[in-house]
Amino acid sequence: MQTPTEAGTRALPEQATRVLPEEEWREREARHHARVDALVSAHLERRAAGVKHPVEDFLFTYYSHKPAQLRRWHPGAGTALAGMDPEGARWYRASGAADPAGPSDTVAAELDVPAFLEKKGATVAFVLRLLRAVQGRQAHLGCFGLHEWAMVYRLGQEQVRHSAVPLRLGHEGTDAVVESHRITCSHYDAFRFFTDEARPLNRLRPTREGQADLDQPGCLHANMDLYKWSYKLSPLVPSELVADCFVFAKDIRVLDMRASPYDLEAHGYTPVRIETAEGKAEYLEAQRSFAERGGQLRARLLEALGRAEHLLPEEHHRHSPC
């Protein structure tokens, strides 16, 4: 039997469109709405009150997907929705597939995959290459979240990103942790926020162009970015998977900040003291668990994108791995 990971390593063959009866997809849509409402309600309440949160705001500021966008439901490629009128629905078209359980004249709509790929084919091809490269690598553990420490290295309190939150070890103690550790950050979108003084201390030189060469499944930020890739390629990706990636990113963000130099106990977060042997062991255990979860989500995302890969415009398809 083919595993999800194996299925996600190459383009999937063209498959017949499945038609969801209206009652069934309306139920799925309602469950998705309820789930997302529960996930974002606290953020929306804080935003309305003008209250910032040093941990959770990141999911809505660094990542550009708005709560209302996360709430929208799409079934993904290869599924038609009986009873849906595609008029005015972006990326949808009338479906020629018929609902075997319904009247022959029932209207249905499905994702217009060729039109979507005409617009976003380059992104789809890039994400497929990146995720396949990461999925094929062994996880490297033991970075201990030092990227967050390198982002505040030799800065004054008014200069750090979360200036309202104190540093657990103070500025001198934080700088000492950075200087006494081997920093091997492989993710460009973490490395680019290092301070000027910290950047030369990193053993690697990540670049945007070389992202597929360095990203690896043990990296917290590479795993968090599964959320970014899933929402950027919505509605090609089923919304339930986008929400799963959001939850995953949220869980990782908590570890990322608990292991950071910030003192977040006033916000209810106990620190992972990576400057100690006990803290390093705790971080490693959590990082290993996230690598396993990330592999499962990455396989699902590859499978969802693989369903449309055979329709990629030729200029993108020929650069995509076999």
C-alpha atoms as a PDB file:
ATOM      1  CA  MET A   1       0.000   0.000   0.000  1.00  0.00           C
ATOM      2  CA  GLN A   2       1.259   3.464  -0.877  1.00  0.00           C
ATOM      3  CA  THR A   3       1.909   5.697   2.117  1.00  0.00           C
ATOM      4  CA  PRO A   4       0.919   9.389   2.185  1.00  0.00           C
ATOM      5  CA  THR A   5       4.591  10.342   2.047  1.00  0.00           C
ATOM      6  CA  GLU A   6       5.177   8.216  -1.050  1.00  0.00           C
ATOM      7  CA  ALA A   7       2.079   9.648  -2.688  1.00  0.00           C
ATOM      8  CA  GLY A   8       3.386  13.147  -2.030  1.00  0.00           C
ATOM      9  CA  THR A   9       6.747  12.640  -3.762  1.00  0.00           C
ATOM     10  CA  ARG A  10       5.426  12.861  -7.333  1.00  0.00           C
ATOM     11  CA  ALA A  11       2.527  14.079  -9.390  1.00  0.00           C
ATOM     12  CA  LEU A  12      -0.684  12.162  -8.853  1.00  0.00           C
ATOM     13  CA  PRO A  13      -2.606  10.943 -11.895  1.00  0.00           C
ATOM     14  CA  GLU A  14      -5.699  12.786 -13.007  1.00  0.00           C
ATOM     15  CA  GLN A  15      -8.692  11.646 -10.991  1.00  0.00           C
ATOM     16  CA  ALA A  16     -12.425  11.853 -11.547  1.00  0.00           C
ATOM     17  CA  THR A  17     -14.155  14.771  -9.836  1.00  0.00           C
ATOM     18  CA  ARG A  18     -16.056  13.769  -6.722  1.00  0.00           C
ATOM     19  CA  VAL A  19     -19.399  15.481  -6.137  1.00  0.00           C
ATOM     20  CA  LEU A  20     -20.362  16.315  -2.553  1.00  0.00           C
ATOM     21  CA  PRO A  21     -24.118  16.479  -1.902  1.00  0.00           C
ATOM     22  CA  GLU A  22     -25.137  19.903  -0.642  1.00  0.00           C
ATOM     23  CA  GLU A  23     -26.129  18.664   2.809  1.00  0.00           C
ATOM     24  CA  GLU A  24     -22.747  17.001   3.278  1.00  0.00           C
ATOM     25  CA  TRP A  25     -20.599  19.945   2.256  1.00  0.00           C
ATOM     26  CA  ARG A  26     -22.729  22.411   4.181  1.00  0.00           C
ATOM     27  CA  GLU A  27     -22.088  20.335   7.324  1.00  0.00           C
ATOM     28  CA  ARG A  28     -18.347  20.316   6.650  1.00  0.00           C
ATOM     29  CA  GLU A  29     -18.407  24.067   6.080  1.00  0.00           C
ATOM     30  CA  ALA A  30     -20.286  24.644   9.349  1.00  0.00           C
ATOM     31  CA  ARG A  31     -17.832  22.474  11.314  1.00  0.00           C
ATOM     32  CA  HIS A  32     -14.928  24.410   9.833  1.00  0.00           C
ATOM     33  CA  HIS A  33     -16.538  27.742  10.734  1.00  0.00           C
ATOM     34  CA  ALA A  34     -17.120  26.632  14.323  1.00  0.00           C
ATOM     35  CA  ARG A  35     -13.567  25.346  14.661  1.00  0.00           C
ATOM     36  CA  VAL A  36     -11.951  28.518  13.328  1.00  0.00           C
ATOM     37  CA  ASP A  37     -14.240  30.752  15.392  1.00  0.00           C
ATOM     38  CA  ALA A  38     -12.982  28.997  18.530  1.00  0.00           C
ATOM     39  CA  LEU A  39      -9.354  29.321  17.397  1.00  0.00           C
ATOM     40  CA  VAL A  40      -9.436  33.058  16.663  1.00  0.00           C
ATOM     41  CA  SER A  41     -11.992  34.401  19.157  1.00  0.00           C
ATOM     42  CA  ALA A  42      -9.418  35.426  21.790  1.00  0.00           C
ATOM     43  CA  HIS A  43      -7.327  37.231  19.177  1.00  0.00           C
ATOM     44  CA  LEU A  44     -10.344  39.113  17.843  1.00  0.00           C
ATOM     45  CA  GLU A  45     -11.348  40.161  21.364  1.00  0.00           C
ATOM     46  CA  ARG A  46      -7.838  41.450  22.096  1.00  0.00           C
ATOM     47  CA  ARG A  47      -7.671  43.247  18.763  1.00  0.00           C
ATOM     48  CA  ALA A  48     -11.001  44.986  19.421  1.00  0.00           C
ATOM     49  CA  ALA A  49      -9.691  46.084  22.832  1.00  0.00           C
ATOM     50  CA  GLY A  50      -6.319  47.202  21.443  1.00  0.00           C
ATOM     51  CA  VAL A  51      -4.424  44.633  23.532  1.00  0.00           C
ATOM     52  CA  LYS A  52      -1.243  43.120  22.104  1.00  0.00           C
ATOM     53  CA  HIS A  53      -0.067  39.561  22.750  1.00  0.00           C
ATOM     54  CA  PRO A  54       3.656  38.763  22.349  1.00  0.00           C
ATOM     55  CA  VAL A  55       3.049  35.118  21.404  1.00  0.00           C
ATOM     56  CA  GLU A  56      -0.191  34.774  19.469  1.00  0.00           C
ATOM     57  CA  ASP A  57      -0.223  38.038  17.509  1.00  0.00           C
ATOM     58  CA  PHE A  58       2.613  36.618  15.397  1.00  0.00           C
ATOM     59  CA  LEU A  59       0.158  34.226  13.742  1.00  0.00           C
ATOM     60  CA  PHE A  60      -1.824  37.177  12.407  1.00  0.00           C
ATOM     61  CA  THR A  61       0.920  39.744  11.759  1.00  0.00           C
ATOM     62  CA  TYR A  62       3.921  37.819  10.417  1.00  0.00           C
ATOM     63  CA  TYR A  63       1.534  35.506   8.576  1.00  0.00           C
ATOM     64  CA  SER A  64      -0.782  37.537   6.359  1.00  0.00           C
ATOM     65  CA  HIS A  65      -3.861  35.287   6.439  1.00  0.00           C
ATOM     66  CA  LYS A  66      -6.712  37.119   8.147  1.00  0.00           C
ATOM     67  CA  PRO A  67      -9.174  35.373  10.485  1.00  0.00           C
ATOM     68  CA  ALA A  68     -11.990  35.887   7.967  1.00  0.00           C
ATOM     69  CA  GLN A  69      -9.876  34.224   5.270  1.00  0.00           C
ATOM     70  CA  LEU A  70      -9.028  31.307   7.544  1.00  0.00           C
ATOM     71  CA  ARG A  71     -12.747  30.889   8.224  1.00  0.00           C
ATOM     72  CA  ARG A  72     -13.691  30.442   4.562  1.00  0.00           C
ATOM     73  CA  TRP A  73     -14.191  26.845   3.575  1.00  0.00           C
ATOM     74  CA  HIS A  74     -13.013  25.175   0.370  1.00  0.00           C
ATOM     75  CA  PRO A  75     -12.945  21.445  -0.409  1.00  0.00           C
ATOM     76  CA  GLY A  76      -9.764  21.574  -2.502  1.00  0.00           C
ATOM     77  CA  ALA A  77      -9.114  20.331  -6.020  1.00  0.00           C
ATOM     78  CA  GLY A  78     -11.060  17.416  -7.436  1.00  0.00           C
ATOM     79  CA  THR A  79     -14.286  18.026  -5.508  1.00  0.00           C
ATOM     80  CA  ALA A  80     -17.485  19.571  -6.844  1.00  0.00           C
ATOM     81  CA  LEU A  81     -20.157  21.054  -4.608  1.00  0.00           C
ATOM     82  CA  ALA A  82     -23.728  20.167  -5.529  1.00  0.00           C
ATOM     83  CA  GLY A  83     -26.147  23.058  -5.210  1.00  0.00           C
ATOM     84  CA  MET A  84     -23.422  25.726  -5.342  1.00  0.00           C
ATOM     85  CA  ASP A  85     -23.769  28.486  -7.924  1.00  0.00           C
ATOM     86  CA  PRO A  86     -20.271  29.463  -9.089  1.00  0.00           C
ATOM     87  CA  GLU A  87     -21.411  32.924 -10.152  1.00  0.00           C
ATOM     88  CA  GLY A  88     -19.345  35.475  -8.252  1.00  0.00           C
ATOM     89  CA  ALA A  89     -17.230  32.843  -6.452  1.00  0.00           C
ATOM     90  CA  ARG A  90     -13.554  33.465  -7.239  1.00  0.00           C
ATOM     91  CA  TRP A  91     -11.690  30.497  -8.716  1.00  0.00           C
ATOM     92  CA  TYR A  92     -14.859  28.424  -9.166  1.00  0.00           C
ATOM     93  CA  ARG A  93     -16.608  27.300 -12.352  1.00  0.00           C
ATOM     94  CA  ALA A  94     -19.677  25.245 -13.201  1.00  0.00           C
ATOM     95  CA  SER A  95     -18.907  21.548 -12.890  1.00  0.00           C
ATOM     96  CA  GLY A  96     -19.741  18.966 -15.515  1.00  0.00           C
ATOM     97  CA  ALA A  97     -19.709  16.252 -12.862  1.00  0.00           C
ATOM     98  CA  ALA A  98     -23.108  14.969 -11.765  1.00  0.00           C
ATOM     99  CA  ASP A  99     -24.228  14.007  -8.278  1.00  0.00           C
ATOM    100  CA  PRO A 100     -25.099  10.302  -8.547  1.00  0.00           C
ATOM    101  CA  ALA A 101     -27.463  10.651  -5.588  1.00  0.00           C
ATOM    102  CA  GLY A 102     -29.278  13.764  -6.833  1.00  0.00           C
ATOM    103  CA  PRO A 103     -31.311  15.018  -9.784  1.00  0.00           C
ATOM    104  CA  SER A 104     -29.484  15.100 -13.105  1.00  0.00           C
ATOM    105  CA  ASP A 105     -30.095  18.833 -13.510  1.00  0.00           C
ATOM    106  CA  THR A 106     -28.584  19.816 -10.127  1.00  0.00           C
ATOM    107  CA  VAL A 107     -26.157  22.716 -10.481  1.00  0.00           C
ATOM    108  CA  ALA A 108     -22.661  22.137  -9.088  1.00  0.00           C
ATOM    109  CA  ALA A 109     -19.432  24.128  -8.880  1.00  0.00           C
ATOM    110  CA  GLU A 110     -15.791  23.099  -8.646  1.00  0.00           C
ATOM    111  CA  LEU A 111     -12.415  24.767  -8.384  1.00  0.00           C
ATOM    112  CA  ASP A 112     -11.169  26.035 -11.730  1.00  0.00           C
ATOM    113  CA  VAL A 113      -7.744  24.443 -11.333  1.00  0.00           C
ATOM    114  CA  PRO A 114      -6.297  25.508 -14.727  1.00  0.00           C
ATOM    115  CA  ALA A 115      -7.237  29.152 -14.060  1.00  0.00           C
ATOM    116  CA  PHE A 116      -5.722  28.983 -10.562  1.00  0.00           C
ATOM    117  CA  LEU A 117      -2.499  27.443 -11.883  1.00  0.00           C
ATOM    118  CA  GLU A 118      -2.279  29.987 -14.683  1.00  0.00           C
ATOM    119  CA  LYS A 119      -2.084  32.649 -11.980  1.00  0.00           C
ATOM    120  CA  LYS A 120      -0.190  30.828  -9.245  1.00  0.00           C
ATOM    121  CA  GLY A 121       1.592  27.996 -11.037  1.00  0.00           C
ATOM    122  CA  ALA A 122       5.054  29.337 -10.200  1.00  0.00           C
ATOM    123  CA  THR A 123       4.215  29.339  -6.482  1.00  0.00           C
ATOM    124  CA  VAL A 124       2.781  25.822  -6.665  1.00  0.00           C
ATOM    125  CA  ALA A 125       5.892  24.537  -8.443  1.00  0.00           C
ATOM    126  CA  PHE A 126       8.211  26.249  -5.926  1.00  0.00           C
ATOM    127  CA  VAL A 127       6.299  24.900  -2.923  1.00  0.00           C
ATOM    128  CA  LEU A 128       6.278  21.380  -4.369  1.00  0.00           C
ATOM    129  CA  ARG A 129      10.060  21.497  -4.863  1.00  0.00           C
ATOM    130  CA  LEU A 130      10.643  22.935  -1.397  1.00  0.00           C
ATOM    131  CA  LEU A 131       8.388  20.547   0.489  1.00  0.00           C
ATOM    132  CA  ARG A 132       9.704  17.496  -1.350  1.00  0.00           C
ATOM    133  CA  ALA A 133      13.270  18.517  -0.576  1.00  0.00           C
ATOM    134  CA  VAL A 134      12.475  18.983   3.116  1.00  0.00           C
ATOM    135  CA  GLN A 135      10.451  15.764   3.310  1.00  0.00           C
ATOM    136  CA  GLY A 136      13.380  13.808   1.897  1.00  0.00           C
ATOM    137  CA  ARG A 137      15.840  14.997   4.554  1.00  0.00           C
ATOM    138  CA  GLN A 138      16.654  13.789   8.024  1.00  0.00           C
ATOM    139  CA  ALA A 139      15.663  16.112  10.838  1.00  0.00           C
ATOM    140  CA  HIS A 140      18.524  18.050  12.427  1.00  0.00           C
ATOM    141  CA  LEU A 141      17.764  18.815  16.057  1.00  0.00           C
ATOM    142  CA  GLY A 142      19.559  20.747  18.741  1.00  0.00           C
ATOM    143  CA  CYS A 143      19.405  24.365  17.534  1.00  0.00           C
ATOM    144  CA  PHE A 144      17.684  25.129  20.892  1.00  0.00           C
ATOM    145  CA  GLY A 145      15.758  28.091  19.503  1.00  0.00           C
ATOM    146  CA  LEU A 146      18.822  30.324  19.541  1.00  0.00           C
ATOM    147  CA  HIS A 147      17.472  32.310  16.595  1.00  0.00           C
ATOM    148  CA  GLU A 148      15.251  34.240  19.029  1.00  0.00           C
ATOM    149  CA  TRP A 149      18.285  35.047  21.169  1.00  0.00           C
ATOM    150  CA  ALA A 150      20.262  36.162  18.105  1.00  0.00           C
ATOM    151  CA  MET A 151      17.440  38.556  17.239  1.00  0.00           C
ATOM    152  CA  VAL A 152      18.046  40.555  20.433  1.00  0.00           C
ATOM    153  CA  TYR A 153      21.821  40.142  20.669  1.00  0.00           C
ATOM    154  CA  ARG A 154      23.490  43.366  21.849  1.00  0.00           C
ATOM    155  CA  LEU A 155      20.312  45.416  21.586  1.00  0.00           C
ATOM    156  CA  GLY A 156      18.922  47.768  24.195  1.00  0.00           C
ATOM    157  CA  GLN A 157      15.493  47.067  25.682  1.00  0.00           C
ATOM    158  CA  GLU A 158      13.835  49.753  23.577  1.00  0.00           C
ATOM    159  CA  GLN A 159      15.222  48.129  20.406  1.00  0.00           C
ATOM    160  CA  VAL A 160      13.984  44.552  20.852  1.00  0.00           C
ATOM    161  CA  ARG A 161      10.832  43.441  19.085  1.00  0.00           C
ATOM    162  CA  HIS A 162       8.840  42.831  22.273  1.00  0.00           C
ATOM    163  CA  SER A 163      10.152  45.832  24.162  1.00  0.00           C
ATOM    164  CA  ALA A 164       7.353  45.649  26.755  1.00  0.00           C
ATOM    165  CA  VAL A 165       8.498  42.170  27.822  1.00  0.00           C
ATOM    166  CA  PRO A 166      11.650  41.843  29.980  1.00  0.00           C
ATOM    167  CA  LEU A 167      14.477  39.464  29.182  1.00  0.00           C
ATOM    168  CA  ARG A 168      14.785  36.559  31.633  1.00  0.00           C
ATOM    169  CA  LEU A 169      18.550  36.868  31.989  1.00  0.00           C
ATOM    170  CA  GLY A 170      18.880  40.579  31.286  1.00  0.00           C
ATOM    171  CA  HIS A 171      20.809  41.891  28.302  1.00  0.00           C
ATOM    172  CA  GLU A 172      24.279  40.849  29.426  1.00  0.00           C
ATOM    173  CA  GLY A 173      23.098  37.363  30.364  1.00  0.00           C
ATOM    174  CA  THR A 174      21.294  37.004  27.032  1.00  0.00           C
ATOM    175  CA  ASP A 175      24.383  38.059  25.096  1.00  0.00           C
ATOM    176  CA  ALA A 176      26.459  35.552  27.062  1.00  0.00           C
ATOM    177  CA  VAL A 177      24.127  32.692  26.049  1.00  0.00           C
ATOM    178  CA  VAL A 178      24.495  33.630  22.384  1.00  0.00           C
ATOM    179  CA  GLU A 179      28.273  33.831  22.648  1.00  0.00           C
ATOM    180  CA  SER A 180      28.611  30.491  24.455  1.00  0.00           C
ATOM    181  CA  HIS A 181      26.590  28.423  21.966  1.00  0.00           C
ATOM    182  CA  ARG A 182      27.096  27.148  18.439  1.00  0.00           C
ATOM    183  CA  ILE A 183      24.402  28.786  16.299  1.00  0.00           C
ATOM    184  CA  THR A 184      23.363  26.823  13.192  1.00  0.00           C
ATOM    185  CA  CYS A 185      20.160  28.465  11.979  1.00  0.00           C
ATOM    186  CA  SER A 186      19.223  27.122   8.526  1.00  0.00           C
ATOM    187  CA  HIS A 187      16.008  29.064   7.885  1.00  0.00           C
ATOM    188  CA  TYR A 188      16.279  32.318   5.955  1.00  0.00           C
ATOM    189  CA  ASP A 189      13.183  33.925   7.452  1.00  0.00           C
ATOM    190  CA  ALA A 190      14.639  33.505  10.928  1.00  0.00           C
ATOM    191  CA  PHE A 191      18.219  34.398   9.998  1.00  0.00           C
ATOM    192  CA  ARG A 192      17.214  37.652   8.290  1.00  0.00           C
ATOM    193  CA  PHE A 193      16.023  39.020  11.652  1.00  0.00           C
ATOM    194  CA  PHE A 194      19.364  38.399  13.405  1.00  0.00           C
ATOM    195  CA  THR A 195      21.031  41.555  14.641  1.00  0.00           C
ATOM    196  CA  ASP A 196      24.007  42.774  12.647  1.00  0.00           C
ATOM    197  CA  GLU A 197      26.331  41.618  15.440  1.00  0.00           C
ATOM    198  CA  ALA A 198      24.738  38.141  15.615  1.00  0.00           C
ATOM    199  CA  ARG A 199      24.716  37.363  11.902  1.00  0.00           C
ATOM    200  CA  PRO A 200      28.455  36.504  11.659  1.00  0.00           C
ATOM    201  CA  LEU A 201      28.038  34.060  14.583  1.00  0.00           C
ATOM    202  CA  ASN A 202      25.750  31.777  12.558  1.00  0.00           C
ATOM    203  CA  ARG A 203      27.530  28.812  10.963  1.00  0.00           C
ATOM    204  CA  LEU A 204      25.242  28.934   7.915  1.00  0.00           C
ATOM    205  CA  ARG A 205      24.325  31.670   5.446  1.00  0.00           C
ATOM    206  CA  PRO A 206      20.700  31.005   4.470  1.00  0.00           C
ATOM    207  CA  THR A 207      19.315  32.842   1.445  1.00  0.00           C
ATOM    208  CA  ARG A 208      15.882  32.984  -0.154  1.00  0.00           C
ATOM    209  CA  GLU A 209      17.294  31.490  -3.351  1.00  0.00           C
ATOM    210  CA  GLY A 210      18.853  28.593  -1.460  1.00  0.00           C
ATOM    211  CA  GLN A 211      15.869  27.868   0.781  1.00  0.00           C
ATOM    212  CA  ALA A 212      15.174  24.454  -0.772  1.00  0.00           C
ATOM    213  CA  ASP A 213      18.809  23.496  -0.161  1.00  0.00           C
ATOM    214  CA  LEU A 214      18.839  24.279   3.574  1.00  0.00           C
ATOM    215  CA  ASP A 215      15.324  23.955   5.023  1.00  0.00           C
ATOM    216  CA  GLN A 216      14.989  20.753   7.023  1.00  0.00           C
ATOM    217  CA  PRO A 217      12.202  18.968   8.957  1.00  0.00           C
ATOM    218  CA  GLY A 218      13.617  19.644  12.420  1.00  0.00           C
ATOM    219  CA  CYS A 219      13.468  23.430  11.972  1.00  0.00           C
ATOM    220  CA  LEU A 220      10.625  25.031  13.919  1.00  0.00           C
ATOM    221  CA  HIS A 221      10.202  27.844  11.419  1.00  0.00           C
ATOM    222  CA  ALA A 222      10.234  25.548   8.379  1.00  0.00           C
ATOM    223  CA  ASN A 223       7.468  23.581  10.082  1.00  0.00           C
ATOM    224  CA  MET A 224       5.498  26.690  11.008  1.00  0.00           C
ATOM    225  CA  ASP A 225       5.661  27.728   7.363  1.00  0.00           C
ATOM    226  CA  LEU A 226       3.496  24.768   6.406  1.00  0.00           C
ATOM    227  CA  TYR A 227       0.692  27.105   7.456  1.00  0.00           C
ATOM    228  CA  LYS A 228       1.970  29.815   5.108  1.00  0.00           C
ATOM    229  CA  TRP A 229       2.224  27.477   2.121  1.00  0.00           C
ATOM    230  CA  SER A 230      -1.191  25.955   2.791  1.00  0.00           C
ATOM    231  CA  TYR A 231      -3.041  29.281   2.934  1.00  0.00           C
ATOM    232  CA  LYS A 232      -1.104  30.803   0.038  1.00  0.00           C
ATOM    233  CA  LEU A 233      -2.356  27.945  -2.120  1.00  0.00           C
ATOM    234  CA  SER A 234      -5.939  28.037  -0.888  1.00  0.00           C
ATOM    235  CA  PRO A 235      -8.465  27.129  -2.340  1.00  0.00           C
ATOM    236  CA  LEU A 236      -6.329  24.453  -4.004  1.00  0.00           C
ATOM    237  CA  VAL A 237      -5.689  23.109  -0.481  1.00  0.00           C
ATOM    238  CA  PRO A 238      -8.695  21.876   1.568  1.00  0.00           C
ATOM    239  CA  SER A 239      -9.555  24.321   4.339  1.00  0.00           C
ATOM    240  CA  GLU A 240      -9.488  21.627   7.017  1.00  0.00           C
ATOM    241  CA  LEU A 241      -5.795  21.103   6.203  1.00  0.00           C
ATOM    242  CA  VAL A 242      -5.121  24.850   6.348  1.00  0.00           C
ATOM    243  CA  ALA A 243      -6.713  24.908   9.825  1.00  0.00           C
ATOM    244  CA  ASP A 244      -4.638  21.901  10.906  1.00  0.00           C
ATOM    245  CA  CYS A 245      -1.494  23.747   9.792  1.00  0.00           C
ATOM    246  CA  PHE A 246      -2.634  26.834  11.713  1.00  0.00           C
ATOM    247  CA  VAL A 247      -3.003  24.806  14.924  1.00  0.00           C
ATOM    248  CA  PHE A 248       0.423  23.284  14.311  1.00  0.00           C
ATOM    249  CA  ALA A 249       2.001  26.718  13.803  1.00  0.00           C
ATOM    250  CA  LYS A 250       0.317  27.971  16.965  1.00  0.00           C
ATOM    251  CA  ASP A 251       1.732  25.072  19.004  1.00  0.00           C
ATOM    252  CA  ILE A 252       5.217  25.668  17.613  1.00  0.00           C
ATOM    253  CA  ARG A 253       5.005  29.384  18.304  1.00  0.00           C
ATOM    254  CA  VAL A 254       4.389  28.641  21.972  1.00  0.00           C
ATOM    255  CA  LEU A 255       7.569  26.543  22.212  1.00  0.00           C
ATOM    256  CA  ASP A 256       9.483  29.116  20.177  1.00  0.00           C
ATOM    257  CA  MET A 257       8.658  31.844  22.681  1.00  0.00           C
ATOM    258  CA  ARG A 258       8.923  29.694  25.817  1.00  0.00           C
ATOM    259  CA  ALA A 259      12.493  28.891  24.717  1.00  0.00           C
ATOM    260  CA  SER A 260      13.227  32.519  23.838  1.00  0.00           C
ATOM    261  CA  PRO A 261      15.091  35.014  26.047  1.00  0.00           C
ATOM    262  CA  TYR A 262      11.798  36.752  26.966  1.00  0.00           C
ATOM    263  CA  ASP A 263      10.209  36.404  30.403  1.00  0.00           C
ATOM    264  CA  LEU A 264       6.611  35.490  29.544  1.00  0.00           C
ATOM    265  CA  GLU A 265       5.462  34.116  32.889  1.00  0.00           C
ATOM    266  CA  ALA A 266       3.128  37.089  33.318  1.00  0.00           C
ATOM    267  CA  HIS A 267       1.364  35.830  30.182  1.00  0.00           C
ATOM    268  CA  GLY A 268       1.099  32.291  31.544  1.00  0.00           C
ATOM    269  CA  TYR A 269       4.092  30.696  29.786  1.00  0.00           C
ATOM    270  CA  THR A 270       6.717  28.839  31.798  1.00  0.00           C
ATOM    271  CA  PRO A 271      10.181  29.136  30.252  1.00  0.00           C
ATOM    272  CA  VAL A 272      12.122  26.374  28.554  1.00  0.00           C
ATOM    273  CA  ARG A 273      15.532  27.291  29.948  1.00  0.00           C
ATOM    274  CA  ILE A 274      17.694  26.291  26.981  1.00  0.00           C
ATOM    275  CA  GLU A 275      20.751  27.679  28.746  1.00  0.00           C
ATOM    276  CA  THR A 276      20.560  24.626  31.077  1.00  0.00           C
ATOM    277  CA  ALA A 277      20.939  20.907  30.390  1.00  0.00           C
ATOM    278  CA  GLU A 278      17.384  20.258  31.584  1.00  0.00           C
ATOM    279  CA  GLY A 279      15.995  22.948  29.284  1.00  0.00           C
ATOM    280  CA  LYS A 280      17.940  21.597  26.320  1.00  0.00           C
ATOM    281  CA  ALA A 281      16.501  18.120  26.900  1.00  0.00           C
ATOM    282  CA  GLU A 282      12.970  19.544  27.110  1.00  0.00           C
ATOM    283  CA  TYR A 283      13.469  21.504  23.903  1.00  0.00           C
ATOM    284  CA  LEU A 284      14.864  18.490  22.045  1.00  0.00           C
ATOM    285  CA  GLU A 285      11.907  16.319  23.006  1.00  0.00           C
ATOM    286  CA  ALA A 286       9.411  18.925  21.794  1.00  0.00           C
ATOM    287  CA  GLN A 287      11.395  19.592  18.614  1.00  0.00           C
ATOM    288  CA  ARG A 288      11.441  15.883  17.774  1.00  0.00           C
ATOM    289  CA  SER A 289       7.676  15.674  18.247  1.00  0.00           C
ATOM    290  CA  PHE A 290       7.128  18.675  15.984  1.00  0.00           C
ATOM    291  CA  ALA A 291       9.349  17.121  13.298  1.00  0.00           C
ATOM    292  CA  GLU A 292       7.116  14.034  13.301  1.00  0.00           C
ATOM    293  CA  ARG A 293       3.892  16.056  13.171  1.00  0.00           C
ATOM    294  CA  GLY A 294       5.334  18.261  10.467  1.00  0.00           C
ATOM    295  CA  GLY A 295       6.179  15.232   8.337  1.00  0.00           C
ATOM    296  CA  GLN A 296       2.565  14.082   8.471  1.00  0.00           C
ATOM    297  CA  LEU A 297       1.178  17.516   7.562  1.00  0.00           C
ATOM    298  CA  ARG A 298       3.774  17.997   4.838  1.00  0.00           C
ATOM    299  CA  ALA A 299       2.761  14.667   3.269  1.00  0.00           C
ATOM    300  CA  ARG A 300      -0.898  15.739   3.281  1.00  0.00           C
ATOM    301  CA  LEU A 301      -0.036  19.081   1.724  1.00  0.00           C
ATOM    302  CA  LEU A 302       2.077  17.416  -0.959  1.00  0.00           C
ATOM    303  CA  GLU A 303      -0.773  15.043  -1.716  1.00  0.00           C
ATOM    304  CA  ALA A 304      -3.264  17.928  -2.035  1.00  0.00           C
ATOM    305  CA  LEU A 305      -0.955  19.855  -4.394  1.00  0.00           C
ATOM    306  CA  GLY A 306      -0.057  16.697  -6.307  1.00  0.00           C
ATOM    307  CA  ARG A 307      -3.676  16.313  -7.379  1.00  0.00           C
ATOM    308  CA  ALA A 308      -3.284  19.377  -9.578  1.00  0.00           C
ATOM    309  CA  GLU A 309       0.349  19.073 -10.622  1.00  0.00           C
ATOM    310  CA  HIS A 310      -0.420  17.421 -13.960  1.00  0.00           C
ATOM    311  CA  LEU A 311      -2.253  20.632 -14.928  1.00  0.00           C
ATOM    312  CA  LEU A 312       0.669  22.957 -14.223  1.00  0.00           C
ATOM    313  CA  PRO A 313       1.561  25.156 -17.221  1.00  0.00           C
ATOM    314  CA  GLU A 314       4.493  23.627 -19.086  1.00  0.00           C
ATOM    315  CA  GLU A 315       6.995  26.325 -18.110  1.00  0.00           C
ATOM    316  CA  HIS A 316       6.491  25.435 -14.439  1.00  0.00           C
ATOM    317  CA  HIS A 317       5.929  21.698 -14.795  1.00  0.00           C
ATOM    318  CA  ARG A 318       9.195  20.973 -16.564  1.00  0.00           C
ATOM    319  CA  HIS A 319      11.155  22.463 -13.652  1.00  0.00           C
ATOM    320  CA  SER A 320       9.317  20.383 -11.078  1.00  0.00           C
ATOM    321  CA  PRO A 321      11.040  17.163  -9.894  1.00  0.00           C
ATOM    322  CA  CYS A 322       9.749  13.817 -11.141  1.00  0.00           C
END
